[in-house]
C-alpha atoms as a PDB file:
ATOM      1  CA  MET A   1       0.381   0.261   0.108  1.00  0.00           C
ATOM      2  CA  ARG A   2       1.762   3.153  -0.867  1.00  0.00           C
ATOM      3  CA  ALA A   3       1.669   6.241   1.413  1.00  0.00           C
ATOM      4  CA  LEU A   4      -0.253   8.576  -1.510  1.00  0.00           C
ATOM      5  CA  ALA A   5      -3.134   8.064  -2.012  1.00  0.00           C
ATOM      6  CA  PHE A   6      -5.801  10.578  -4.133  1.00  0.00           C
ATOM      7  CA  GLY A   7      -9.409  11.383  -4.527  1.00  0.00           C
ATOM      8  CA  LEU A   8     -11.775  12.467  -1.140  1.00  0.00           C
ATOM      9  CA  ALA A   9      -8.411  11.674   1.187  1.00  0.00           C
ATOM     10  CA  GLY A  10      -6.284  14.088  -0.460  1.00  0.00           C
ATOM     11  CA  LEU A  11      -9.037  17.025  -0.393  1.00  0.00           C
ATOM     12  CA  LEU A  12      -9.676  16.318   3.664  1.00  0.00           C
ATOM     13  CA  ALA A  13      -5.716  16.194   4.055  1.00  0.00           C
ATOM     14  CA  LEU A  14      -5.150  19.366   2.069  1.00  0.00           C
ATOM     15  CA  ALA A  15      -8.062  21.196   3.798  1.00  0.00           C
ATOM     16  CA  SER A  16      -6.900  20.378   7.654  1.00  0.00           C
ATOM     17  CA  VAL A  17      -3.149  22.090   6.205  1.00  0.00           C
ATOM     18  CA  GLY A  18      -3.421  25.814   7.531  1.00  0.00           C
ATOM     19  CA  ARG A  19      -6.195  25.384   9.764  1.00  0.00           C
ATOM     20  CA  GLY A  20      -5.432  24.465  13.004  1.00  0.00           C
ATOM     21  CA  GLN A  21      -6.322  20.676  12.786  1.00  0.00           C
ATOM     22  CA  ALA A  22      -3.673  17.992  13.860  1.00  0.00           C
ATOM     23  CA  PRO A  23      -1.371  16.986  11.656  1.00  0.00           C
ATOM     24  CA  ALA A  24      -2.586  14.016   9.446  1.00  0.00           C
ATOM     25  CA  ASN A  25       1.101  13.066   8.808  1.00  0.00           C
ATOM     26  CA  PRO A  26       2.856  11.479  11.168  1.00  0.00           C
ATOM     27  CA  PHE A  27       6.047  13.853  11.868  1.00  0.00           C
ATOM     28  CA  PHE A  28       9.256  12.426  13.245  1.00  0.00           C
ATOM     29  CA  ALA A  29      12.798  13.276  13.997  1.00  0.00           C
ATOM     30  CA  PHE A  30      16.159  12.566  12.400  1.00  0.00           C
ATOM     31  CA  ASP A  31      19.087  10.996  15.409  1.00  0.00           C
ATOM     32  CA  ASN A  32      21.144  14.049  13.855  1.00  0.00           C
ATOM     33  CA  GLY A  33      18.812  16.321  15.332  1.00  0.00           C
ATOM     34  CA  THR A  34      18.717  14.308  18.442  1.00  0.00           C
ATOM     35  CA  GLY A  35      21.708  14.064  19.710  1.00  0.00           C
ATOM     36  CA  ARG A  36      23.785  11.299  17.494  1.00  0.00           C
ATOM     37  CA  ASP A  37      26.681  13.317  16.590  1.00  0.00           C
ATOM     38  CA  GLN A  38      26.940  14.521  20.594  1.00  0.00           C
ATOM     39  CA  LYS A  39      26.488  10.705  21.467  1.00  0.00           C
ATOM     40  CA  ILE A  40      23.813  11.467  24.042  1.00  0.00           C
ATOM     41  CA  PRO A  41      22.700   7.464  25.070  1.00  0.00           C
ATOM     42  CA  LEU A  42      19.730   6.446  23.136  1.00  0.00           C
ATOM     43  CA  GLU A  43      17.116   6.521  26.154  1.00  0.00           C
ATOM     44  CA  GLU A  44      17.830  10.129  26.473  1.00  0.00           C
ATOM     45  CA  GLN A  45      17.442  10.957  23.300  1.00  0.00           C
ATOM     46  CA  ALA A  46      13.927   8.874  23.131  1.00  0.00           C
ATOM     47  CA  GLU A  47      12.911  10.539  26.236  1.00  0.00           C
ATOM     48  CA  MET A  48      13.545  13.741  25.053  1.00  0.00           C
ATOM     49  CA  LEU A  49      11.602  12.737  21.880  1.00  0.00           C
ATOM     50  CA  LYS A  50       8.776  11.907  23.664  1.00  0.00           C
ATOM     51  CA  ARG A  51       8.983  15.131  25.513  1.00  0.00           C
ATOM     52  CA  THR A  52       9.116  17.313  22.848  1.00  0.00           C
ATOM     53  CA  GLY A  53       6.023  15.656  21.114  1.00  0.00           C
ATOM     54  CA  TYR A  54       7.746  13.383  18.128  1.00  0.00           C
ATOM     55  CA  ALA A  55       6.066  10.310  16.755  1.00  0.00           C
ATOM     56  CA  GLY A  56       9.640   8.727  17.144  1.00  0.00           C
ATOM     57  CA  MET A  57      13.427   8.975  15.525  1.00  0.00           C
ATOM     58  CA  GLY A  58      15.114   8.231  12.218  1.00  0.00           C
ATOM     59  CA  PHE A  59      18.056   6.276  12.995  1.00  0.00           C
ATOM     60  CA  SER A  60      21.504   6.065  11.012  1.00  0.00           C
ATOM     61  CA  GLY A  61      22.808   2.414  10.679  1.00  0.00           C
ATOM     62  CA  ALA A  62      22.193  -1.041  11.048  1.00  0.00           C
ATOM     63  CA  LEU A  63      23.861  -1.523  14.352  1.00  0.00           C
ATOM     64  CA  ARG A  64      21.971  -1.660  17.720  1.00  0.00           C
ATOM     65  CA  ILE A  65      18.568  -2.157  16.321  1.00  0.00           C
ATOM     66  CA  PRO A  66      17.262  -3.964  19.425  1.00  0.00           C
ATOM     67  CA  GLU A  67      18.509  -1.348  21.980  1.00  0.00           C
ATOM     68  CA  VAL A  68      16.776   1.753  19.851  1.00  0.00           C
ATOM     69  CA  LEU A  69      13.631  -0.048  19.398  1.00  0.00           C
ATOM     70  CA  GLN A  70      13.350  -0.427  23.036  1.00  0.00           C
ATOM     71  CA  ALA A  71      13.855   3.112  23.962  1.00  0.00           C
ATOM     72  CA  LEU A  72      11.268   3.874  21.832  1.00  0.00           C
ATOM     73  CA  GLU A  73       8.704   1.361  21.518  1.00  0.00           C
ATOM     74  CA  SER A  74       8.896   1.500  25.632  1.00  0.00           C
ATOM     75  CA  ARG A  75       7.850   5.070  25.418  1.00  0.00           C
ATOM     76  CA  GLY A  76       4.893   4.622  22.563  1.00  0.00           C
ATOM     77  CA  LEU A  77       7.221   6.306  20.264  1.00  0.00           C
ATOM     78  CA  ARG A  78       8.470   4.514  16.344  1.00  0.00           C
ATOM     79  CA  LEU A  79      11.142   4.011  14.480  1.00  0.00           C
ATOM     80  CA  PHE A  80      10.316   5.197  11.245  1.00  0.00           C
ATOM     81  CA  SER A  81      13.692   4.809   9.502  1.00  0.00           C
ATOM     82  CA  ILE A  82      17.341   3.395   9.211  1.00  0.00           C
ATOM     83  CA  TYR A  83      20.064   5.061   7.288  1.00  0.00           C
ATOM     84  CA  VAL A  84      21.703   3.123   5.078  1.00  0.00           C
ATOM     85  CA  PRO A  85      24.119   2.814   1.979  1.00  0.00           C
ATOM     86  CA  VAL A  86      24.258   0.748  -0.965  1.00  0.00           C
ATOM     87  CA  ARG A  87      27.683   1.063  -3.090  1.00  0.00           C
ATOM     88  CA  ILE A  88      28.083   0.529  -6.601  1.00  0.00           C
ATOM     89  CA  ASP A  89      31.408   1.514  -7.323  1.00  0.00           C
ATOM     90  CA  GLY A  90      33.266  -1.995  -5.720  1.00  0.00           C
ATOM     91  CA  GLU A  91      33.802  -4.905  -7.672  1.00  0.00           C
ATOM     92  CA  LYS A  92      30.400  -5.562  -7.214  1.00  0.00           C
ATOM     93  CA  PRO A  93      27.353  -3.809  -5.491  1.00  0.00           C
ATOM     94  CA  GLY A  94      26.848  -4.326  -2.174  1.00  0.00           C
ATOM     95  CA  TYR A  95      25.320  -2.904   1.500  1.00  0.00           C
ATOM     96  CA  ASP A  96      26.498  -3.014   4.966  1.00  0.00           C
ATOM     97  CA  ALA A  97      27.353  -6.743   6.589  1.00  0.00           C
ATOM     98  CA  ALA A  98      25.151  -5.594   9.072  1.00  0.00           C
ATOM     99  CA  LEU A  99      21.774  -4.957   7.308  1.00  0.00           C
ATOM    100  CA  PRO A 100      20.512  -8.589   6.546  1.00  0.00           C
ATOM    101  CA  GLU A 101      20.448  -9.069  10.668  1.00  0.00           C
ATOM    102  CA  ALA A 102      19.057  -5.480  10.946  1.00  0.00           C
ATOM    103  CA  ILE A 103      16.159  -6.309   8.881  1.00  0.00           C
ATOM    104  CA  ARG A 104      15.431  -9.459  10.415  1.00  0.00           C
ATOM    105  CA  GLN A 105      14.981  -7.669  13.656  1.00  0.00           C
ATOM    106  CA  LEU A 106      13.188  -5.119  12.499  1.00  0.00           C
ATOM    107  CA  LYS A 107      10.417  -7.122  11.376  1.00  0.00           C
ATOM    108  CA  GLY A 108       6.807  -6.789  12.348  1.00  0.00           C
ATOM    109  CA  HIS A 109       8.230  -2.715  13.389  1.00  0.00           C
ATOM    110  CA  GLY A 110       7.219  -1.016   9.985  1.00  0.00           C
ATOM    111  CA  THR A 111      10.452   0.832   9.562  1.00  0.00           C
ATOM    112  CA  VAL A 112      11.668   1.474   6.424  1.00  0.00           C
ATOM    113  CA  ILE A 113      14.661   0.907   5.182  1.00  0.00           C
ATOM    114  CA  TRP A 114      15.960   4.864   3.816  1.00  0.00           C
ATOM    115  CA  LEU A 115      18.228   3.721   1.319  1.00  0.00           C
ATOM    116  CA  THR A 116      20.935   5.972  -0.154  1.00  0.00           C
ATOM    117  CA  VAL A 117      22.758   4.794  -3.369  1.00  0.00           C
ATOM    118  CA  GLN A 118      26.445   5.861  -3.168  1.00  0.00           C
ATOM    119  CA  GLY A 119      29.502   5.815  -5.561  1.00  0.00           C
ATOM    120  CA  LYS A 120      29.998   6.571  -9.394  1.00  0.00           C
ATOM    121  CA  ALA A 121      30.365   3.599 -12.047  1.00  0.00           C
ATOM    122  CA  ALA A 122      30.073   4.029 -16.012  1.00  0.00           C
ATOM    123  CA  ASP A 123      26.993   1.591 -15.763  1.00  0.00           C
ATOM    124  CA  GLY A 124      25.774   3.266 -12.635  1.00  0.00           C
ATOM    125  CA  ASP A 125      21.667   2.868 -12.946  1.00  0.00           C
ATOM    126  CA  ALA A 126      22.331  -0.949 -13.552  1.00  0.00           C
ATOM    127  CA  ARG A 127      24.415  -1.654 -10.299  1.00  0.00           C
ATOM    128  CA  ALA A 128      21.848   0.426  -8.796  1.00  0.00           C
ATOM    129  CA  ALA A 129      19.111  -1.600  -9.496  1.00  0.00           C
ATOM    130  CA  VAL A 130      20.932  -4.611  -8.546  1.00  0.00           C
ATOM    131  CA  ALA A 131      22.252  -3.258  -5.457  1.00  0.00           C
ATOM    132  CA  VAL A 132      18.498  -2.198  -4.700  1.00  0.00           C
ATOM    133  CA  ARG A 133      16.805  -5.249  -5.436  1.00  0.00           C
ATOM    134  CA  ALA A 134      18.819  -6.852  -3.240  1.00  0.00           C
ATOM    135  CA  VAL A 135      18.260  -4.972  -0.019  1.00  0.00           C
ATOM    136  CA  ALA A 136      14.549  -5.008  -1.685  1.00  0.00           C
ATOM    137  CA  ASP A 137      14.063  -8.671  -1.780  1.00  0.00           C
ATOM    138  CA  LEU A 138      15.852  -8.744   1.893  1.00  0.00           C
ATOM    139  CA  ALA A 139      13.683  -6.573   3.269  1.00  0.00           C
ATOM    140  CA  ALA A 140      10.253  -7.861   1.640  1.00  0.00           C
ATOM    141  CA  GLU A 141      11.235 -11.529   3.826  1.00  0.00           C
ATOM    142  CA  SER A 142      10.773  -8.887   6.649  1.00  0.00           C
ATOM    143  CA  GLY A 143       7.458  -7.139   5.350  1.00  0.00           C
ATOM    144  CA  LEU A 144       9.123  -4.377   5.229  1.00  0.00           C
ATOM    145  CA  ARG A 145       9.910  -1.436   2.524  1.00  0.00           C
ATOM    146  CA  VAL A 146      12.723   0.272   0.827  1.00  0.00           C
ATOM    147  CA  VAL A 147      12.671   4.233   0.008  1.00  0.00           C
ATOM    148  CA  LEU A 148      15.230   5.378  -1.693  1.00  0.00           C
ATOM    149  CA  TYR A 149      16.924   8.566  -0.521  1.00  0.00           C
ATOM    150  CA  PRO A 150      18.258  11.012  -2.721  1.00  0.00           C
ATOM    151  CA  HIS A 151      21.451  13.230  -1.610  1.00  0.00           C
ATOM    152  CA  VAL A 152      24.028  15.407  -3.474  1.00  0.00           C
ATOM    153  CA  GLY A 153      27.021  14.096  -4.739  1.00  0.00           C
ATOM    154  CA  PHE A 154      25.663  10.402  -4.876  1.00  0.00           C
ATOM    155  CA  HIS A 155      24.435   8.590  -7.543  1.00  0.00           C
ATOM    156  CA  VAL A 156      20.861   9.041  -6.493  1.00  0.00           C
ATOM    157  CA  GLU A 157      21.782  12.437  -5.771  1.00  0.00           C
ATOM    158  CA  ARG A 158      17.811  13.860  -7.319  1.00  0.00           C
ATOM    159  CA  ILE A 159      14.058  12.544  -6.825  1.00  0.00           C
ATOM    160  CA  GLU A 160      14.193  11.998 -10.865  1.00  0.00           C
ATOM    161  CA  ASP A 161      17.225   9.692 -10.209  1.00  0.00           C
ATOM    162  CA  ALA A 162      15.196   8.244  -7.090  1.00  0.00           C
ATOM    163  CA  VAL A 163      12.271   7.457  -9.413  1.00  0.00           C
ATOM    164  CA  ARG A 164      14.686   5.761 -12.044  1.00  0.00           C
ATOM    165  CA  VAL A 165      16.147   3.798 -10.325  1.00  0.00           C
ATOM    166  CA  CYS A 166      13.087   2.440  -8.176  1.00  0.00           C
ATOM    167  CA  LYS A 167      11.519   1.866 -11.672  1.00  0.00           C
ATOM    168  CA  LEU A 168      14.330   0.186 -13.259  1.00  0.00           C
ATOM    169  CA  ALA A 169      14.779  -2.108  -9.665  1.00  0.00           C
ATOM    170  CA  GLY A 170      11.026  -3.311 -10.809  1.00  0.00           C
ATOM    171  CA  ARG A 171      11.024  -4.241  -7.040  1.00  0.00           C
ATOM    172  CA  PRO A 172       6.742  -3.284  -5.375  1.00  0.00           C
ATOM    173  CA  ASN A 173       8.266  -2.768  -1.759  1.00  0.00           C
ATOM    174  CA  VAL A 174      10.470   0.190  -3.092  1.00  0.00           C
ATOM    175  CA  GLY A 175       9.690   3.928  -3.539  1.00  0.00           C
ATOM    176  CA  VAL A 176      11.323   7.424  -3.134  1.00  0.00           C
ATOM    177  CA  THR A 177      11.370  10.462  -0.430  1.00  0.00           C
ATOM    178  CA  LEU A 178      11.525  14.269  -1.423  1.00  0.00           C
ATOM    179  CA  ASN A 179      14.507  15.587   0.771  1.00  0.00           C
ATOM    180  CA  LEU A 180      13.970  18.935   1.117  1.00  0.00           C
ATOM    181  CA  ALA A 181      17.806  20.254   1.583  1.00  0.00           C
ATOM    182  CA  HIS A 182      19.330  18.266  -0.683  1.00  0.00           C
ATOM    183  CA  PHE A 183      16.158  18.992  -3.265  1.00  0.00           C
ATOM    184  CA  LEU A 184      17.128  22.603  -3.013  1.00  0.00           C
ATOM    185  CA  ALA A 185      20.977  21.825  -3.049  1.00  0.00           C
ATOM    186  CA  VAL A 186      20.877  20.292  -6.294  1.00  0.00           C
ATOM    187  CA  GLY A 187      18.973  23.717  -7.434  1.00  0.00           C
ATOM    188  CA  ASP A 188      15.836  22.554  -8.796  1.00  0.00           C
ATOM    189  CA  GLU A 189      13.499  24.630  -6.619  1.00  0.00           C
ATOM    190  CA  ALA A 190      11.526  26.162  -9.681  1.00  0.00           C
ATOM    191  CA  ASN A 191      10.528  22.578 -10.762  1.00  0.00           C
ATOM    192  CA  LEU A 192       9.211  20.907  -7.190  1.00  0.00           C
ATOM    193  CA  GLU A 193       5.725  20.552  -8.680  1.00  0.00           C
ATOM    194  CA  ALA A 194       6.634  18.787 -11.614  1.00  0.00           C
ATOM    195  CA  ARG A 195       9.155  16.082  -9.752  1.00  0.00           C
ATOM    196  CA  LEU A 196       6.131  15.765  -7.192  1.00  0.00           C
ATOM    197  CA  LYS A 197       4.458  15.057 -10.230  1.00  0.00           C
ATOM    198  CA  GLU A 198       6.981  12.575 -11.775  1.00  0.00           C
ATOM    199  CA  ALA A 199       7.233  10.908  -8.068  1.00  0.00           C
ATOM    200  CA  GLY A 200       3.459  10.308  -7.728  1.00  0.00           C
ATOM    201  CA  PRO A 201       1.880   7.220  -5.919  1.00  0.00           C
ATOM    202  CA  LEU A 202       6.455   6.495  -5.346  1.00  0.00           C
ATOM    203  CA  LEU A 203       6.439   8.750  -2.784  1.00  0.00           C
ATOM    204  CA  GLU A 204       6.843   7.006   0.685  1.00  0.00           C
ATOM    205  CA  MET A 205       8.613   9.365   2.805  1.00  0.00           C
ATOM    206  CA  VAL A 206       9.942  13.003   3.267  1.00  0.00           C
ATOM    207  CA  SER A 207      11.703  15.368   5.052  1.00  0.00           C
ATOM    208  CA  ILE A 208      11.810  18.758   5.645  1.00  0.00           C
ATOM    209  CA  ASN A 209      13.113  21.868   7.668  1.00  0.00           C
ATOM    210  CA  GLY A 210      13.509  25.356   7.572  1.00  0.00           C
ATOM    211  CA  ALA A 211      15.328  26.678   4.787  1.00  0.00           C
ATOM    212  CA  ASP A 212      16.124  29.794   2.508  1.00  0.00           C
ATOM    213  CA  HIS A 213      16.367  29.654  -1.228  1.00  0.00           C
ATOM    214  CA  GLU A 214      18.556  27.172  -2.967  1.00  0.00           C
ATOM    215  CA  GLY A 215      20.993  30.137  -3.703  1.00  0.00           C
ATOM    216  CA  GLU A 216      24.371  29.026  -4.070  1.00  0.00           C
ATOM    217  CA  TRP A 217      24.966  25.915  -2.021  1.00  0.00           C
ATOM    218  CA  ARG A 218      28.788  25.677  -0.828  1.00  0.00           C
ATOM    219  CA  LYS A 219      29.792  21.725  -0.459  1.00  0.00           C
ATOM    220  CA  GLY A 220      29.721  21.136   3.243  1.00  0.00           C
ATOM    221  CA  ASP A 221      28.036  24.335   4.211  1.00  0.00           C
ATOM    222  CA  TRP A 222      24.539  23.131   4.971  1.00  0.00           C
ATOM    223  CA  SER A 223      23.856  26.484   7.184  1.00  0.00           C
ATOM    224  CA  ARG A 224      21.218  28.123   4.726  1.00  0.00           C
ATOM    225  CA  LEU A 225      19.746  24.911   3.583  1.00  0.00           C
ATOM    226  CA  ILE A 226      18.934  23.199   7.288  1.00  0.00           C
ATOM    227  CA  GLN A 227      17.471  25.002   9.925  1.00  0.00           C
ATOM    228  CA  THR A 228      15.029  24.987  12.317  1.00  0.00           C
ATOM    229  CA  LEU A 229      11.331  24.505  11.424  1.00  0.00           C
ATOM    230  CA  ASP A 230      10.709  28.269  12.195  1.00  0.00           C
ATOM    231  CA  ARG A 231      13.532  29.741   9.925  1.00  0.00           C
ATOM    232  CA  GLY A 232      14.002  30.497   6.598  1.00  0.00           C
ATOM    233  CA  GLU A 233      12.661  31.219   3.589  1.00  0.00           C
ATOM    234  CA  PHE A 234      11.331  28.668   2.122  1.00  0.00           C
ATOM    235  CA  ASP A 235       7.526  27.870   2.091  1.00  0.00           C
ATOM    236  CA  VAL A 236       7.218  25.030   3.918  1.00  0.00           C
ATOM    237  CA  ARG A 237       3.736  25.421   4.216  1.00  0.00           C
ATOM    238  CA  GLY A 238       3.161  25.643   0.480  1.00  0.00           C
ATOM    239  CA  LEU A 239       5.101  22.042   0.411  1.00  0.00           C
ATOM    240  CA  LEU A 240       3.139  20.464   2.654  1.00  0.00           C
ATOM    241  CA  ARG A 241       0.090  21.958   0.746  1.00  0.00           C
ATOM    242  CA  LYS A 242       0.943  20.580  -2.358  1.00  0.00           C
ATOM    243  CA  LEU A 243       1.749  17.170  -0.883  1.00  0.00           C
ATOM    244  CA  ALA A 244      -1.552  17.430   0.879  1.00  0.00           C
ATOM    245  CA  ALA A 245      -3.369  18.109  -2.227  1.00  0.00           C
ATOM    246  CA  MET A 246      -1.555  14.787  -3.419  1.00  0.00           C
ATOM    247  CA  GLY A 247      -3.360  13.023  -0.809  1.00  0.00           C
ATOM    248  CA  TYR A 248       0.221  12.382   0.513  1.00  0.00           C
ATOM    249  CA  ARG A 249      -0.369  11.221   4.520  1.00  0.00           C
ATOM    250  CA  GLY A 250       2.987   9.085   4.972  1.00  0.00           C
ATOM    251  CA  PRO A 251       5.693   9.948   7.391  1.00  0.00           C
ATOM    252  CA  ILE A 252       7.576  13.188   7.670  1.00  0.00           C
ATOM    253  CA  GLY A 253      10.897  13.816   9.131  1.00  0.00           C
ATOM    254  CA  LEU A 254      12.650  16.657  10.659  1.00  0.00           C
ATOM    255  CA  GLN A 255      16.393  16.881   9.007  1.00  0.00           C
ATOM    256  CA  SER A 256      18.638  18.682  11.635  1.00  0.00           C
ATOM    257  CA  TYR A 257      22.155  18.132  10.341  1.00  0.00           C
ATOM    258  CA  GLN A 258      24.524  20.553  11.554  1.00  0.00           C
ATOM    259  CA  VAL A 259      21.918  22.835  12.657  1.00  0.00           C
ATOM    260  CA  ALA A 260      23.660  25.226  15.749  1.00  0.00           C
ATOM    261  CA  GLY A 261      22.618  24.897  19.109  1.00  0.00           C
ATOM    262  CA  ASP A 262      20.607  23.564  22.016  1.00  0.00           C
ATOM    263  CA  ILE A 263      19.223  20.295  20.891  1.00  0.00           C
ATOM    264  CA  GLU A 264      16.098  20.424  22.756  1.00  0.00           C
ATOM    265  CA  GLU A 265      15.268  24.105  22.495  1.00  0.00           C
ATOM    266  CA  ASN A 266      15.657  23.247  18.167  1.00  0.00           C
ATOM    267  CA  LEU A 267      13.138  20.484  18.694  1.00  0.00           C
ATOM    268  CA  LYS A 268      10.692  22.582  20.407  1.00  0.00           C
ATOM    269  CA  ARG A 269      11.181  25.678  18.089  1.00  0.00           C
ATOM    270  CA  SER A 270      10.949  22.887  15.267  1.00  0.00           C
ATOM    271  CA  MET A 271       7.807  21.031  16.764  1.00  0.00           C
ATOM    272  CA  ALA A 272       6.076  24.765  17.741  1.00  0.00           C
ATOM    273  CA  ALA A 273       6.730  25.526  14.219  1.00  0.00           C
ATOM    274  CA  TRP A 274       5.269  21.995  13.063  1.00  0.00           C
ATOM    275  CA  ARG A 275       2.036  22.646  14.851  1.00  0.00           C
ATOM    276  CA  ARG A 276       1.403  26.117  13.127  1.00  0.00           C
ATOM    277  CA  LEU A 277       1.644  24.948  10.121  1.00  0.00           C
ATOM    278  CA  TYR A 278      -1.374  23.303  10.544  1.00  0.00           C
END
């Protein structure tokens, strides 16, 4: 079942945006905004998410899965995703050796395998399709979905790259992401509506944050394109309205990479802004 549906559900979702109603989409936080880089214990990260009102976490990597599940689920929170790579530039396409066991541990939890496709190769799409199929087949054994995560500088860099590789992989449990920060970084803001239309029912995950318009993005400097949700020039409410009009009811994650300031205060600011957007 795709996260995207059309018709009455989409119209109702659109009507709720900007009217102060409860958000239709579950809102979770990336672990880069909960203390991953500061090495805050998982139990403390989960407690902070609970206090600040998030539905759960997007976790990085394929290790410590039972620990993160326990920390979140014991507090009524959800592990929405694990962020993992496949590489296409080696002798053969490959993924983290810990991933198969992580996928087995995630069975029954509804966690998305949020997949970047890294590396460069002359036959990159063919290699990417092989790698995505391998992960998708593992995920299918545990009833899980794989969603491609566009990332500037990677083989799957743009949402249209994700759509192309998704279709080439040809697995029913594979979808794509609209990743706002990376979408702006590749300079495609003017084509937002067209890209959403291209993604169509393949769209299964969305990440947002406060941001200025694309301007001239410099590699490694995310200060303009990743801010707390209450800051920045980009019209996040307008994006949410577009998603609602399409009937998107899936998860939305808060990207917080390299956002300066107090972690909990940043989470509070972004949650308050999220609530004001509806």
